[in-house]
Amino acid sequence: MPDTPLPEDWEDLLNRFAESLEGVQQSLAKAAALPANAAPSERASAYPALLQEHADRHAGLANKATDITRWVDAIESELRISEDLLRVLLTQTETVRQKLAAWTGRAIG
């Protein structure tokens, strides 16, 4: 099987994950910055905006995960086919070796 290149947007996907992690860290920093004595309703009112901000940022990640899963499944399929082919070639090679050994009258191998 020839080397299968990574999808063109692989680096973009990794960058989006890095941005996601950075966004989570910023959200945690914002939440930590809220006064501890703030009323729960004040703290709770900040969360919908943060959730929407993250939802907007990560809208396509579920589709990308599905695409990556399909890509990995395709690679696994190719590897299974390659393994089967190698097993057939090994069997054929062994058959030829045995025929050659019988023809020459001595063990080969």
PDB file of N, CA and C in Angstrom:
ATOM      1  N   MET A   1       0.848  -1.176   0.000  1.00  0.00           N
ATOM      2  CA  MET A   1       0.000   0.000   0.000  1.00  0.00           C
ATOM      3  C   MET A   1       0.892   1.237   0.000  1.00  0.00           C
ATOM      4  N   PRO A   2       0.666   2.151  -0.913  1.00  0.00           N
ATOM      5  CA  PRO A   2       1.484   3.370  -0.921  1.00  0.00           C
ATOM      6  C   PRO A   2       1.198   4.199   0.329  1.00  0.00           C
ATOM      7  N   ASP A   3       2.155   5.046   0.650  1.00  0.00           N
ATOM      8  CA  ASP A   3       1.947   5.921   1.801  1.00  0.00           C
ATOM      9  C   ASP A   3       0.736   6.801   1.538  1.00  0.00           C
ATOM     10  N   THR A   4      -0.212   6.740   2.439  1.00  0.00           N
ATOM     11  CA  THR A   4      -1.419   7.541   2.295  1.00  0.00           C
ATOM     12  C   THR A   4      -1.185   8.871   3.000  1.00  0.00           C
ATOM     13  N   PRO A   5      -1.300   9.973   2.290  1.00  0.00           N
ATOM     14  CA  PRO A   5      -1.054  11.272   2.931  1.00  0.00           C
ATOM     15  C   PRO A   5      -2.185  11.616   3.887  1.00  0.00           C
ATOM     16  N   LEU A   6      -1.842  12.455   4.840  1.00  0.00           N
ATOM     17  CA  LEU A   6      -2.865  12.949   5.764  1.00  0.00           C
ATOM     18  C   LEU A   6      -3.810  13.865   4.998  1.00  0.00           C
ATOM     19  N   PRO A   7      -5.029  14.014   5.489  1.00  0.00           N
ATOM     20  CA  PRO A   7      -5.947  14.944   4.817  1.00  0.00           C
ATOM     21  C   PRO A   7      -5.328  16.345   4.756  1.00  0.00           C
ATOM     22  N   GLU A   8      -5.703  17.093   3.748  1.00  0.00           N
ATOM     23  CA  GLU A   8      -5.125  18.424   3.554  1.00  0.00           C
ATOM     24  C   GLU A   8      -5.357  19.338   4.748  1.00  0.00           C
ATOM     25  N   ASP A   9      -6.476  19.168   5.418  1.00  0.00           N
ATOM     26  CA  ASP A   9      -6.810  20.067   6.525  1.00  0.00           C
ATOM     27  C   ASP A   9      -6.401  19.510   7.882  1.00  0.00           C
ATOM     28  N   TRP A  10      -5.489  18.536   7.893  1.00  0.00           N
ATOM     29  CA  TRP A  10      -5.062  17.912   9.146  1.00  0.00           C
ATOM     30  C   TRP A  10      -4.461  18.945  10.096  1.00  0.00           C
ATOM     31  N   GLU A  11      -3.578  19.803   9.600  1.00  0.00           N
ATOM     32  CA  GLU A  11      -2.962  20.815  10.459  1.00  0.00           C
ATOM     33  C   GLU A  11      -4.018  21.799  10.961  1.00  0.00           C
ATOM     34  N   ASP A  12      -4.993  22.123  10.107  1.00  0.00           N
ATOM     35  CA  ASP A  12      -6.071  23.010  10.538  1.00  0.00           C
ATOM     36  C   ASP A  12      -6.852  22.386  11.685  1.00  0.00           C
ATOM     37  N   LEU A  13      -7.084  21.100  11.585  1.00  0.00           N
ATOM     38  CA  LEU A  13      -7.819  20.400  12.637  1.00  0.00           C
ATOM     39  C   LEU A  13      -7.042  20.439  13.950  1.00  0.00           C
ATOM     40  N   LEU A  14      -5.743  20.180  13.868  1.00  0.00           N
ATOM     41  CA  LEU A  14      -4.921  20.239  15.079  1.00  0.00           C
ATOM     42  C   LEU A  14      -4.899  21.650  15.657  1.00  0.00           C
ATOM     43  N   ASN A  15      -4.837  22.639  14.776  1.00  0.00           N
ATOM     44  CA  ASN A  15      -4.863  24.031  15.253  1.00  0.00           C
ATOM     45  C   ASN A  15      -6.182  24.357  15.931  1.00  0.00           C
ATOM     46  N   ARG A  16      -7.285  23.821  15.374  1.00  0.00           N
ATOM     47  CA  ARG A  16      -8.595  24.069  15.992  1.00  0.00           C
ATOM     48  C   ARG A  16      -8.683  23.417  17.359  1.00  0.00           C
ATOM     49  N   PHE A  17      -8.101  22.223  17.503  1.00  0.00           N
ATOM     50  CA  PHE A  17      -8.078  21.591  18.822  1.00  0.00           C
ATOM     51  C   PHE A  17      -7.264  22.426  19.799  1.00  0.00           C
ATOM     52  N   ALA A  18      -6.123  22.949  19.329  1.00  0.00           N
ATOM     53  CA  ALA A  18      -5.292  23.794  20.191  1.00  0.00           C
ATOM     54  C   ALA A  18      -6.058  25.058  20.593  1.00  0.00           C
ATOM     55  N   GLU A  19      -6.779  25.646  19.634  1.00  0.00           N
ATOM     56  CA  GLU A  19      -7.587  26.822  19.950  1.00  0.00           C
ATOM     57  C   GLU A  19      -8.688  26.474  20.939  1.00  0.00           C
ATOM     58  N   SER A  20      -9.257  25.293  20.793  1.00  0.00           N
ATOM     59  CA  SER A  20     -10.300  24.852  21.720  1.00  0.00           C
ATOM     60  C   SER A  20      -9.752  24.764  23.133  1.00  0.00           C
ATOM     61  N   LEU A  21      -8.572  24.157  23.246  1.00  0.00           N
ATOM     62  CA  LEU A  21      -7.951  24.034  24.555  1.00  0.00           C
ATOM     63  C   LEU A  21      -7.666  25.408  25.135  1.00  0.00           C
ATOM     64  N   GLU A  22      -7.182  26.290  24.298  1.00  0.00           N
ATOM     65  CA  GLU A  22      -6.910  27.653  24.760  1.00  0.00           C
ATOM     66  C   GLU A  22      -8.200  28.343  25.212  1.00  0.00           C
ATOM     67  N   GLY A  23      -9.284  28.118  24.457  1.00  0.00           N
ATOM     68  CA  GLY A  23     -10.575  28.695  24.828  1.00  0.00           C
ATOM     69  C   GLY A  23     -11.077  28.172  26.155  1.00  0.00           C
ATOM     70  N   VAL A  24     -10.893  26.886  26.387  1.00  0.00           N
ATOM     71  CA  VAL A  24     -11.302  26.303  27.667  1.00  0.00           C
ATOM     72  C   VAL A  24     -10.489  26.923  28.795  1.00  0.00           C
ATOM     73  N   GLN A  25      -9.203  27.087  28.568  1.00  0.00           N
ATOM     74  CA  GLN A  25      -8.359  27.696  29.599  1.00  0.00           C
ATOM     75  C   GLN A  25      -8.797  29.137  29.877  1.00  0.00           C
ATOM     76  N   GLN A  26      -9.153  29.864  28.825  1.00  0.00           N
ATOM     77  CA  GLN A  26      -9.628  31.235  29.015  1.00  0.00           C
ATOM     78  C   GLN A  26     -10.948  31.247  29.782  1.00  0.00           C
ATOM     79  N   SER A  27     -11.827  30.288  29.444  1.00  0.00           N
ATOM     80  CA  SER A  27     -13.105  30.208  30.146  1.00  0.00           C
ATOM     81  C   SER A  27     -12.901  29.912  31.621  1.00  0.00           C
ATOM     82  N   LEU A  28     -11.977  29.011  31.901  1.00  0.00           N
ATOM     83  CA  LEU A  28     -11.682  28.706  33.297  1.00  0.00           C
ATOM     84  C   LEU A  28     -11.124  29.932  34.015  1.00  0.00           C
ATOM     85  N   ALA A  29     -10.280  30.677  33.306  1.00  0.00           N
ATOM     86  CA  ALA A  29      -9.727  31.895  33.905  1.00  0.00           C
ATOM     87  C   ALA A  29     -10.832  32.910  34.172  1.00  0.00           C
ATOM     88  N   LYS A  30     -11.791  33.042  33.218  1.00  0.00           N
ATOM     89  CA  LYS A  30     -12.913  33.964  33.423  1.00  0.00           C
ATOM     90  C   LYS A  30     -13.758  33.537  34.609  1.00  0.00           C
ATOM     91  N   ALA A  31     -14.004  32.227  34.698  1.00  0.00           N
ATOM     92  CA  ALA A  31     -14.818  31.724  35.800  1.00  0.00           C
ATOM     93  C   ALA A  31     -14.100  31.922  37.124  1.00  0.00           C
ATOM     94  N   ALA A  32     -12.802  31.734  37.125  1.00  0.00           N
ATOM     95  CA  ALA A  32     -12.039  31.925  38.357  1.00  0.00           C
ATOM     96  C   ALA A  32     -11.983  33.394  38.738  1.00  0.00           C
ATOM     97  N   ALA A  33     -12.076  34.275  37.742  1.00  0.00           N
ATOM     98  CA  ALA A  33     -12.003  35.710  38.017  1.00  0.00           C
ATOM     99  C   ALA A  33     -13.289  36.257  38.638  1.00  0.00           C
ATOM    100  N   LEU A  34     -14.386  35.530  38.466  1.00  0.00           N
ATOM    101  CA  LEU A  34     -15.630  35.985  39.083  1.00  0.00           C
ATOM    102  C   LEU A  34     -15.467  35.947  40.594  1.00  0.00           C
ATOM    103  N   PRO A  35     -15.978  36.924  41.257  1.00  0.00           N
ATOM    104  CA  PRO A  35     -15.835  36.936  42.719  1.00  0.00           C
ATOM    105  C   PRO A  35     -16.507  35.704  43.338  1.00  0.00           C
ATOM    106  N   ALA A  36     -15.817  35.142  44.316  1.00  0.00           N
ATOM    107  CA  ALA A  36     -16.331  33.936  44.962  1.00  0.00           C
ATOM    108  C   ALA A  36     -17.631  34.214  45.705  1.00  0.00           C
ATOM    109  N   ASN A  37     -17.808  35.425  46.102  1.00  0.00           N
ATOM    110  CA  ASN A  37     -19.013  35.757  46.862  1.00  0.00           C
ATOM    111  C   ASN A  37     -20.156  36.239  45.957  1.00  0.00           C
ATOM    112  N   ALA A  38     -19.950  36.183  44.645  1.00  0.00           N
ATOM    113  CA  ALA A  38     -21.005  36.602  43.724  1.00  0.00           C
ATOM    114  C   ALA A  38     -22.182  35.638  43.863  1.00  0.00           C
ATOM    115  N   ALA A  39     -23.340  36.180  43.666  1.00  0.00           N
ATOM    116  CA  ALA A  39     -24.543  35.357  43.775  1.00  0.00           C
ATOM    117  C   ALA A  39     -24.520  34.289  42.689  1.00  0.00           C
ATOM    118  N   PRO A  40     -25.038  33.097  42.988  1.00  0.00           N
ATOM    119  CA  PRO A  40     -25.041  32.033  41.979  1.00  0.00           C
ATOM    120  C   PRO A  40     -25.719  32.457  40.674  1.00  0.00           C
ATOM    121  N   SER A  41     -26.745  33.286  40.752  1.00  0.00           N
ATOM    122  CA  SER A  41     -27.418  33.711  39.521  1.00  0.00           C
ATOM    123  C   SER A  41     -26.497  34.583  38.673  1.00  0.00           C
ATOM    124  N   GLU A  42     -25.656  35.398  39.313  1.00  0.00           N
ATOM    125  CA  GLU A  42     -24.699  36.208  38.560  1.00  0.00           C
ATOM    126  C   GLU A  42     -23.674  35.314  37.855  1.00  0.00           C
ATOM    127  N   ARG A  43     -23.189  34.304  38.572  1.00  0.00           N
ATOM    128  CA  ARG A  43     -22.214  33.378  37.986  1.00  0.00           C
ATOM    129  C   ARG A  43     -22.862  32.576  36.867  1.00  0.00           C
ATOM    130  N   ALA A  44     -24.084  32.137  37.082  1.00  0.00           N
ATOM    131  CA  ALA A  44     -24.779  31.319  36.093  1.00  0.00           C
ATOM    132  C   ALA A  44     -25.085  32.111  34.830  1.00  0.00           C
ATOM    133  N   SER A  45     -25.334  33.405  34.965  1.00  0.00           N
ATOM    134  CA  SER A  45     -25.666  34.207  33.789  1.00  0.00           C
ATOM    135  C   SER A  45     -24.482  34.342  32.829  1.00  0.00           C
ATOM    136  N   ALA A  46     -23.269  34.127  33.303  1.00  0.00           N
ATOM    137  CA  ALA A  46     -22.086  34.230  32.447  1.00  0.00           C
ATOM    138  C   ALA A  46     -21.902  32.976  31.583  1.00  0.00           C
ATOM    139  N   TYR A  47     -22.457  31.851  32.017  1.00  0.00           N
ATOM    140  CA  TYR A  47     -22.206  30.595  31.315  1.00  0.00           C
ATOM    141  C   TYR A  47     -22.864  30.458  29.947  1.00  0.00           C
ATOM    142  N   PRO A  48     -24.098  30.879  29.718  1.00  0.00           N
ATOM    143  CA  PRO A  48     -24.663  30.711  28.368  1.00  0.00           C
ATOM    144  C   PRO A  48     -23.838  31.395  27.278  1.00  0.00           C
ATOM    145  N   ALA A  49     -23.343  32.575  27.578  1.00  0.00           N
ATOM    146  CA  ALA A  49     -22.518  33.268  26.582  1.00  0.00           C
ATOM    147  C   ALA A  49     -21.235  32.491  26.305  1.00  0.00           C
ATOM    148  N   LEU A  50     -20.618  31.960  27.359  1.00  0.00           N
ATOM    149  CA  LEU A  50     -19.403  31.167  27.169  1.00  0.00           C
ATOM    150  C   LEU A  50     -19.697  29.893  26.383  1.00  0.00           C
ATOM    151  N   LEU A  51     -20.801  29.238  26.707  1.00  0.00           N
ATOM    152  CA  LEU A  51     -21.165  28.019  25.990  1.00  0.00           C
ATOM    153  C   LEU A  51     -21.430  28.302  24.513  1.00  0.00           C
ATOM    154  N   GLN A  52     -22.139  29.387  24.217  1.00  0.00           N
ATOM    155  CA  GLN A  52     -22.420  29.726  22.829  1.00  0.00           C
ATOM    156  C   GLN A  52     -21.139  30.065  22.077  1.00  0.00           C
ATOM    157  N   GLU A  53     -20.246  30.759  22.754  1.00  0.00           N
ATOM    158  CA  GLU A  53     -18.961  31.114  22.141  1.00  0.00           C
ATOM    159  C   GLU A  53     -18.203  29.842  21.742  1.00  0.00           C
ATOM    160  N   HIS A  54     -18.187  28.853  22.627  1.00  0.00           N
ATOM    161  CA  HIS A  54     -17.493  27.602  22.328  1.00  0.00           C
ATOM    162  C   HIS A  54     -18.248  26.790  21.281  1.00  0.00           C
ATOM    163  N   ALA A  55     -19.553  26.800  21.325  1.00  0.00           N
ATOM    164  CA  ALA A  55     -20.343  26.064  20.331  1.00  0.00           C
ATOM    165  C   ALA A  55     -20.087  26.616  18.935  1.00  0.00           C
ATOM    166  N   ASP A  56     -20.032  27.934  18.816  1.00  0.00           N
ATOM    167  CA  ASP A  56     -19.769  28.556  17.520  1.00  0.00           C
ATOM    168  C   ASP A  56     -18.368  28.189  17.013  1.00  0.00           C
ATOM    169  N   ARG A  57     -17.421  28.185  17.931  1.00  0.00           N
ATOM    170  CA  ARG A  57     -16.043  27.925  17.564  1.00  0.00           C
ATOM    171  C   ARG A  57     -15.835  26.482  17.108  1.00  0.00           C
ATOM    172  N   HIS A  58     -16.616  25.569  17.655  1.00  0.00           N
ATOM    173  CA  HIS A  58     -16.394  24.147  17.403  1.00  0.00           C
ATOM    174  C   HIS A  58     -17.498  23.503  16.575  1.00  0.00           C
ATOM    175  N   ALA A  59     -18.183  24.282  15.805  1.00  0.00           N
ATOM    176  CA  ALA A  59     -19.337  23.778  15.057  1.00  0.00           C
ATOM    177  C   ALA A  59     -18.982  22.612  14.139  1.00  0.00           C
ATOM    178  N   GLY A  60     -17.837  22.627  13.511  1.00  0.00           N
ATOM    179  CA  GLY A  60     -17.504  21.584  12.546  1.00  0.00           C
ATOM    180  C   GLY A  60     -16.706  20.420  13.094  1.00  0.00           C
ATOM    181  N   LEU A  61     -16.372  20.429  14.362  1.00  0.00           N
ATOM    182  CA  LEU A  61     -15.503  19.380  14.888  1.00  0.00           C
ATOM    183  C   LEU A  61     -16.161  18.001  14.868  1.00  0.00           C
ATOM    184  N   ALA A  62     -17.453  17.919  15.096  1.00  0.00           N
ATOM    185  CA  ALA A  62     -18.119  16.610  15.069  1.00  0.00           C
ATOM    186  C   ALA A  62     -18.027  16.002  13.681  1.00  0.00           C
ATOM    187  N   ASN A  63     -18.209  16.832  12.654  1.00  0.00           N
ATOM    188  CA  ASN A  63     -18.082  16.331  11.280  1.00  0.00           C
ATOM    189  C   ASN A  63     -16.653  15.895  10.991  1.00  0.00           C
ATOM    190  N   LYS A  64     -15.686  16.627  11.496  1.00  0.00           N
ATOM    191  CA  LYS A  64     -14.285  16.269  11.274  1.00  0.00           C
ATOM    192  C   LYS A  64     -13.970  14.936  11.940  1.00  0.00           C
ATOM    193  N   ALA A  65     -14.496  14.713  13.143  1.00  0.00           N
ATOM    194  CA  ALA A  65     -14.259  13.441  13.826  1.00  0.00           C
ATOM    195  C   ALA A  65     -14.844  12.293  13.012  1.00  0.00           C
ATOM    196  N   THR A  66     -16.009  12.500  12.424  1.00  0.00           N
ATOM    197  CA  THR A  66     -16.621  11.476  11.574  1.00  0.00           C
ATOM    198  C   THR A  66     -15.763  11.232  10.340  1.00  0.00           C
ATOM    199  N   ASP A  67     -15.264  12.301   9.738  1.00  0.00           N
ATOM    200  CA  ASP A  67     -14.399  12.163   8.558  1.00  0.00           C
ATOM    201  C   ASP A  67     -13.120  11.398   8.906  1.00  0.00           C
ATOM    202  N   ILE A  68     -12.537  11.712  10.051  1.00  0.00           N
ATOM    203  CA  ILE A  68     -11.308  11.033  10.468  1.00  0.00           C
ATOM    204  C   ILE A  68     -11.585   9.555  10.722  1.00  0.00           C
ATOM    205  N   THR A  69     -12.733   9.251  11.326  1.00  0.00           N
ATOM    206  CA  THR A  69     -13.099   7.857  11.568  1.00  0.00           C
ATOM    207  C   THR A  69     -13.217   7.103  10.250  1.00  0.00           C
ATOM    208  N   ARG A  70     -13.846   7.717   9.260  1.00  0.00           N
ATOM    209  CA  ARG A  70     -13.963   7.078   7.944  1.00  0.00           C
ATOM    210  C   ARG A  70     -12.587   6.864   7.319  1.00  0.00           C
ATOM    211  N   TRP A  71     -11.723   7.845   7.454  1.00  0.00           N
ATOM    212  CA  TRP A  71     -10.377   7.774   6.903  1.00  0.00           C
ATOM    213  C   TRP A  71      -9.592   6.634   7.565  1.00  0.00           C
ATOM    214  N   VAL A  72      -9.685   6.528   8.885  1.00  0.00           N
ATOM    215  CA  VAL A  72      -8.995   5.460   9.610  1.00  0.00           C
ATOM    216  C   VAL A  72      -9.566   4.100   9.209  1.00  0.00           C
ATOM    217  N   ASP A  73     -10.882   4.003   9.067  1.00  0.00           N
ATOM    218  CA  ASP A  73     -11.504   2.746   8.631  1.00  0.00           C
ATOM    219  C   ASP A  73     -11.004   2.343   7.245  1.00  0.00           C
ATOM    220  N   ALA A  74     -10.852   3.310   6.351  1.00  0.00           N
ATOM    221  CA  ALA A  74     -10.350   3.018   5.008  1.00  0.00           C
ATOM    222  C   ALA A  74      -8.909   2.514   5.064  1.00  0.00           C
ATOM    223  N   ILE A  75      -8.101   3.113   5.908  1.00  0.00           N
ATOM    224  CA  ILE A  75      -6.711   2.675   6.054  1.00  0.00           C
ATOM    225  C   ILE A  75      -6.659   1.263   6.615  1.00  0.00           C
ATOM    226  N   GLU A  76      -7.482   0.987   7.634  1.00  0.00           N
ATOM    227  CA  GLU A  76      -7.517  -0.362   8.201  1.00  0.00           C
ATOM    228  C   GLU A  76      -7.938  -1.385   7.156  1.00  0.00           C
ATOM    229  N   SER A  77      -8.888  -1.021   6.318  1.00  0.00           N
ATOM    230  CA  SER A  77      -9.334  -1.915   5.255  1.00  0.00           C
ATOM    231  C   SER A  77      -8.183  -2.201   4.289  1.00  0.00           C
ATOM    232  N   GLU A  78      -7.462  -1.165   3.900  1.00  0.00           N
ATOM    233  CA  GLU A  78      -6.313  -1.343   3.005  1.00  0.00           C
ATOM    234  C   GLU A  78      -5.249  -2.229   3.646  1.00  0.00           C
ATOM    235  N   LEU A  79      -5.041  -2.042   4.943  1.00  0.00           N
ATOM    236  CA  LEU A  79      -4.048  -2.865   5.632  1.00  0.00           C
ATOM    237  C   LEU A  79      -4.473  -4.332   5.674  1.00  0.00           C
ATOM    238  N   ARG A  80      -5.764  -4.577   5.888  1.00  0.00           N
ATOM    239  CA  ARG A  80      -6.257  -5.961   5.884  1.00  0.00           C
ATOM    240  C   ARG A  80      -6.061  -6.594   4.506  1.00  0.00           C
ATOM    241  N   ILE A  81      -6.360  -5.835   3.468  1.00  0.00           N
ATOM    242  CA  ILE A  81      -6.186  -6.343   2.104  1.00  0.00           C
ATOM    243  C   ILE A  81      -4.712  -6.638   1.838  1.00  0.00           C
ATOM    244  N   SER A  82      -3.836  -5.739   2.265  1.00  0.00           N
ATOM    245  CA  SER A  82      -2.393  -5.942   2.077  1.00  0.00           C
ATOM    246  C   SER A  82      -1.919  -7.173   2.843  1.00  0.00           C
ATOM    247  N   GLU A  83      -2.429  -7.354   4.052  1.00  0.00           N
ATOM    248  CA  GLU A  83      -2.044  -8.523   4.840  1.00  0.00           C
ATOM    249  C   GLU A  83      -2.494  -9.805   4.148  1.00  0.00           C
ATOM    250  N   ASP A  84      -3.713  -9.820   3.642  1.00  0.00           N
ATOM    251  CA  ASP A  84      -4.211 -10.997   2.932  1.00  0.00           C
ATOM    252  C   ASP A  84      -3.350 -11.299   1.713  1.00  0.00           C
ATOM    253  N   LEU A  85      -2.976 -10.266   0.974  1.00  0.00           N
ATOM    254  CA  LEU A  85      -2.134 -10.441  -0.202  1.00  0.00           C
ATOM    255  C   LEU A  85      -0.771 -11.021   0.189  1.00  0.00           C
ATOM    256  N   LEU A  86      -0.198 -10.498   1.258  1.00  0.00           N
ATOM    257  CA  LEU A  86       1.094 -11.016   1.714  1.00  0.00           C
ATOM    258  C   LEU A  86       0.985 -12.474   2.139  1.00  0.00           C
ATOM    259  N   ARG A  87      -0.114 -12.849   2.759  1.00  0.00           N
ATOM    260  CA  ARG A  87      -0.304 -14.252   3.164  1.00  0.00           C
ATOM    261  C   ARG A  87      -0.387 -15.155   1.928  1.00  0.00           C
ATOM    262  N   VAL A  88      -1.086 -14.710   0.892  1.00  0.00           N
ATOM    263  CA  VAL A  88      -1.182 -15.489  -0.349  1.00  0.00           C
ATOM    264  C   VAL A  88       0.198 -15.633  -0.977  1.00  0.00           C
ATOM    265  N   LEU A  89       0.950 -14.527  -1.027  1.00  0.00           N
ATOM    266  CA  LEU A  89       2.295 -14.579  -1.599  1.00  0.00           C
ATOM    267  C   LEU A  89       3.206 -15.498  -0.787  1.00  0.00           C
ATOM    268  N   LEU A  90       3.088 -15.480   0.521  1.00  0.00           N
ATOM    269  CA  LEU A  90       3.876 -16.359   1.369  1.00  0.00           C
ATOM    270  C   LEU A  90       3.539 -17.823   1.091  1.00  0.00           C
ATOM    271  N   THR A  91       2.263 -18.127   0.959  1.00  0.00           N
ATOM    272  CA  THR A  91       1.832 -19.490   0.653  1.00  0.00           C
ATOM    273  C   THR A  91       2.370 -19.927  -0.705  1.00  0.00           C
ATOM    274  N   GLN A  92       2.284 -19.048  -1.692  1.00  0.00           N
ATOM    275  CA  GLN A  92       2.787 -19.381  -3.028  1.00  0.00           C
ATOM    276  C   GLN A  92       4.300 -19.586  -3.008  1.00  0.00           C
ATOM    277  N   THR A  93       5.002 -18.763  -2.262  1.00  0.00           N
ATOM    278  CA  THR A  93       6.456 -18.894  -2.153  1.00  0.00           C
ATOM    279  C   THR A  93       6.822 -20.223  -1.504  1.00  0.00           C
ATOM    280  N   GLU A  94       6.101 -20.591  -0.466  1.00  0.00           N
ATOM    281  CA  GLU A  94       6.359 -21.863   0.210  1.00  0.00           C
ATOM    282  C   GLU A  94       6.092 -23.036  -0.729  1.00  0.00           C
ATOM    283  N   THR A  95       5.031 -22.944  -1.526  1.00  0.00           N
ATOM    284  CA  THR A  95       4.715 -23.999  -2.492  1.00  0.00           C
ATOM    285  C   THR A  95       5.838 -24.135  -3.514  1.00  0.00           C
ATOM    286  N   VAL A  96       6.319 -23.021  -4.034  1.00  0.00           N
ATOM    287  CA  VAL A  96       7.421 -23.048  -5.002  1.00  0.00           C
ATOM    288  C   VAL A  96       8.682 -23.613  -4.347  1.00  0.00           C
ATOM    289  N   ARG A  97       8.955 -23.238  -3.121  1.00  0.00           N
ATOM    290  CA  ARG A  97      10.135 -23.757  -2.410  1.00  0.00           C
ATOM    291  C   ARG A  97      10.055 -25.268  -2.270  1.00  0.00           C
ATOM    292  N   GLN A  98       8.884 -25.775  -1.903  1.00  0.00           N
ATOM    293  CA  GLN A  98       8.716 -27.223  -1.747  1.00  0.00           C
ATOM    294  C   GLN A  98       8.868 -27.945  -3.091  1.00  0.00           C
ATOM    295  N   LYS A  99       8.321 -27.380  -4.154  1.00  0.00           N
ATOM    296  CA  LYS A  99       8.454 -27.991  -5.477  1.00  0.00           C
ATOM    297  C   LYS A  99       9.916 -28.004  -5.924  1.00  0.00           C
ATOM    298  N   LEU A 100      10.618 -26.911  -5.662  1.00  0.00           N
ATOM    299  CA  LEU A 100      12.035 -26.830  -6.006  1.00  0.00           C
ATOM    300  C   LEU A 100      12.841 -27.843  -5.196  1.00  0.00           C
ATOM    301  N   ALA A 101      12.514 -27.990  -3.915  1.00  0.00           N
ATOM    302  CA  ALA A 101      13.210 -28.959  -3.069  1.00  0.00           C
ATOM    303  C   ALA A 101      12.943 -30.378  -3.575  1.00  0.00           C
ATOM    304  N   ALA A 102      11.733 -30.664  -3.971  1.00  0.00           N
ATOM    305  CA  ALA A 102      11.415 -31.998  -4.490  1.00  0.00           C
ATOM    306  C   ALA A 102      12.124 -32.225  -5.828  1.00  0.00           C
ATOM    307  N   TRP A 103      12.192 -31.218  -6.666  1.00  0.00           N
ATOM    308  CA  TRP A 103      12.825 -31.337  -7.985  1.00  0.00           C
ATOM    309  C   TRP A 103      14.324 -31.566  -7.854  1.00  0.00           C
ATOM    310  N   THR A 104      14.968 -30.842  -6.900  1.00  0.00           N
ATOM    311  CA  THR A 104      16.418 -30.984  -6.721  1.00  0.00           C
ATOM    312  C   THR A 104      16.779 -32.162  -5.846  1.00  0.00           C
ATOM    313  N   GLY A 105      15.808 -32.671  -5.109  1.00  0.00           N
ATOM    314  CA  GLY A 105      16.063 -33.814  -4.245  1.00  0.00           C
ATOM    315  C   GLY A 105      16.753 -33.460  -2.942  1.00  0.00           C
ATOM    316  N   ARG A 106      16.703 -32.205  -2.563  1.00  0.00           N
ATOM    317  CA  ARG A 106      17.307 -31.811  -1.279  1.00  0.00           C
ATOM    318  C   ARG A 106      16.534 -30.638  -0.693  1.00  0.00           C
ATOM    319  N   ALA A 107      16.699 -30.426   0.595  1.00  0.00           N
ATOM    320  CA  ALA A 107      15.974 -29.346   1.294  1.00  0.00           C
ATOM    321  C   ALA A 107      16.477 -27.985   0.839  1.00  0.00           C
ATOM    322  N   ILE A 108      15.546 -27.071   0.694  1.00  0.00           N
ATOM    323  CA  ILE A 108      15.887 -25.700   0.308  1.00  0.00           C
ATOM    324  C   ILE A 108      15.308 -24.796   1.393  1.00  0.00           C
ATOM    325  N   GLY A 109      16.111 -23.928   1.856  1.00  0.00           N
ATOM    326  CA  GLY A 109      15.484 -23.001   2.703  1.00  0.00           C
ATOM    327  C   GLY A 109      16.016 -22.615   3.946  1.00  0.00           C
TER     328      GLY A 109
END
